[in-house]
Amino acid sequence: MPLLDGGNGFRGRTAHPHHRYRGGGHRAARLDITARTSGETVTLIVDDNGSGIPAAERAHAFERFYRAGRNPGRGIGLALVAQQARLHGGTAALGASPSGGARLTVTPALPETGK
């Protein structure tokens, strides 16, 4: 997969052996990371092929120390992502990935260029 995507951003992929959570769910075996530009906007998208985050839990996933079910995470990672996005005037959102897992979309506000 090419690193540069038509001059509008980049795409990357990483993979690791498939693991099972202690709670029975599946960790993602693949991450697709994409950056897209459109005018003055940059959007970072991270897709995985894990078990995803149910729609009813997505809003809570950005709360500090929130853990869905028996997820082995500590509930701090997505809260920090959302905090950094807000501190930079942007947004963070969760959705369903075309890969079957979760999609994290981060759109930071870009600094003014003084044009």
Protein backbone atom coordinates (compact mmCIF):
# COMPACT_ATOMS: atom_id res chain seq x y z
CA MET A 1 0.00 0.00 0.00
CA PRO A 2 1.49 3.37 -0.94
CA LEU A 3 2.29 5.78 1.87
CA LEU A 4 1.17 8.79 -0.15
CA ASP A 5 -2.43 8.79 -1.28
CA GLY A 6 -2.80 10.96 -4.38
CA GLY A 7 -1.19 13.96 -2.70
CA ASN A 8 -4.18 14.35 -0.37
CA GLY A 9 -2.75 12.51 2.63
CA PHE A 10 -1.29 9.17 3.57
CA ARG A 11 -2.39 5.66 4.42
CA GLY A 12 -0.62 3.14 6.55
CA ARG A 13 -1.37 -0.32 7.84
CA THR A 14 -0.03 -2.37 10.68
CA ALA A 15 -0.85 -5.89 11.73
CA HIS A 16 -0.08 -8.13 14.68
CA PRO A 17 -1.08 -11.67 15.59
CA HIS A 18 -4.73 -12.08 16.52
CA HIS A 19 -5.28 -12.12 20.29
CA ARG A 20 -8.31 -12.88 22.43
CA TYR A 21 -9.33 -10.67 25.33
CA ARG A 22 -9.75 -12.31 28.69
CA GLY A 23 -13.44 -11.38 28.38
CA GLY A 24 -13.82 -13.36 25.16
CA GLY A 25 -13.78 -10.49 22.65
CA HIS A 26 -11.17 -10.06 19.95
CA ARG A 27 -8.42 -7.50 19.69
CA ALA A 28 -7.91 -5.97 16.33
CA ALA A 29 -5.45 -7.83 14.14
CA ARG A 30 -5.19 -4.92 11.69
CA LEU A 31 -5.16 -1.13 11.91
CA ASP A 32 -5.64 1.14 8.92
CA ILE A 33 -4.50 4.71 9.53
CA THR A 34 -5.52 7.39 7.04
CA ALA A 35 -4.98 11.14 6.88
CA ARG A 36 -7.13 13.11 4.45
CA THR A 37 -6.97 16.76 3.55
CA SER A 38 -9.73 18.89 2.08
CA GLY A 39 -9.01 22.57 1.78
CA GLU A 40 -7.94 23.73 5.24
CA THR A 41 -9.15 20.56 7.01
CA VAL A 42 -7.16 17.46 7.97
CA THR A 43 -8.99 14.33 9.10
CA LEU A 44 -7.21 11.43 10.78
CA ILE A 45 -9.02 8.08 10.60
CA VAL A 46 -8.05 4.91 12.45
CA ASP A 47 -9.96 1.75 11.48
CA ASP A 48 -9.56 -1.67 13.05
CA ASN A 49 -11.08 -5.08 12.47
CA GLY A 50 -11.69 -5.95 16.13
CA SER A 51 -15.04 -6.45 17.83
CA GLY A 52 -15.92 -2.74 17.60
CA ILE A 53 -17.71 -0.50 20.09
CA PRO A 54 -21.51 -0.78 20.28
CA ALA A 55 -23.30 2.41 19.17
CA ALA A 56 -24.89 2.84 22.62
CA GLU A 57 -21.43 2.94 24.26
CA ARG A 58 -19.58 5.20 21.84
CA ALA A 59 -20.38 8.48 23.60
CA HIS A 60 -19.25 7.01 26.94
CA ALA A 61 -16.01 5.67 25.46
CA PHE A 62 -14.50 9.18 25.63
CA GLU A 63 -15.15 9.44 29.40
CA ARG A 64 -12.13 8.91 31.63
CA PHE A 65 -11.89 5.41 33.07
CA TYR A 66 -14.94 4.14 31.16
CA ARG A 67 -14.52 0.49 30.22
CA ALA A 68 -17.00 -1.38 28.08
CA GLY A 69 -17.79 -4.87 29.29
CA ARG A 70 -14.70 -6.86 30.12
CA ASN A 71 -12.38 -4.85 27.91
CA PRO A 72 -8.81 -5.07 29.29
CA GLY A 73 -8.11 -1.39 28.64
CA ARG A 74 -7.82 1.13 31.45
CA GLY A 75 -10.36 3.58 30.05
CA ILE A 76 -7.96 6.47 29.61
CA GLY A 77 -6.71 6.31 25.99
CA LEU A 78 -9.79 7.58 24.14
CA ALA A 79 -10.42 10.19 26.85
CA LEU A 80 -6.95 11.59 26.20
CA VAL A 81 -7.49 11.56 22.43
CA ALA A 82 -10.75 13.53 22.83
CA GLN A 83 -9.11 15.93 25.28
CA GLN A 84 -6.23 16.67 22.90
CA ALA A 85 -8.63 17.14 19.98
CA ARG A 86 -10.66 19.66 22.03
CA LEU A 87 -7.53 21.47 23.23
CA HIS A 88 -6.60 21.95 19.58
CA GLY A 89 -10.09 23.19 18.65
CA GLY A 90 -11.09 19.92 17.00
CA THR A 91 -13.26 16.88 17.46
CA ALA A 92 -12.97 13.13 18.01
CA ALA A 93 -15.74 10.68 17.11
CA LEU A 94 -16.29 6.93 17.10
CA GLY A 95 -18.16 4.88 14.55
CA ALA A 96 -18.22 1.54 12.83
CA SER A 97 -15.29 0.63 10.61
CA PRO A 98 -15.72 -0.86 7.13
CA SER A 99 -13.21 -3.45 8.43
CA GLY A 100 -15.80 -4.66 10.94
CA GLY A 101 -14.39 -3.06 14.09
CA ALA A 102 -14.23 0.50 15.35
CA ARG A 103 -13.44 3.74 13.53
CA LEU A 104 -11.90 6.70 15.32
CA THR A 105 -12.06 10.00 13.43
CA VAL A 106 -10.06 12.99 14.70
CA THR A 107 -10.37 16.38 13.04
CA PRO A 108 -8.07 18.95 14.65
CA ALA A 109 -8.49 22.63 13.90
CA LEU A 110 -5.54 23.85 11.88
CA PRO A 111 -3.71 27.03 12.85
CA GLU A 112 -4.49 30.11 10.78
CA THR A 113 -1.89 30.65 8.08
CA GLY A 114 -2.28 34.44 7.88
CA LYS A 115 -3.32 34.43 4.23
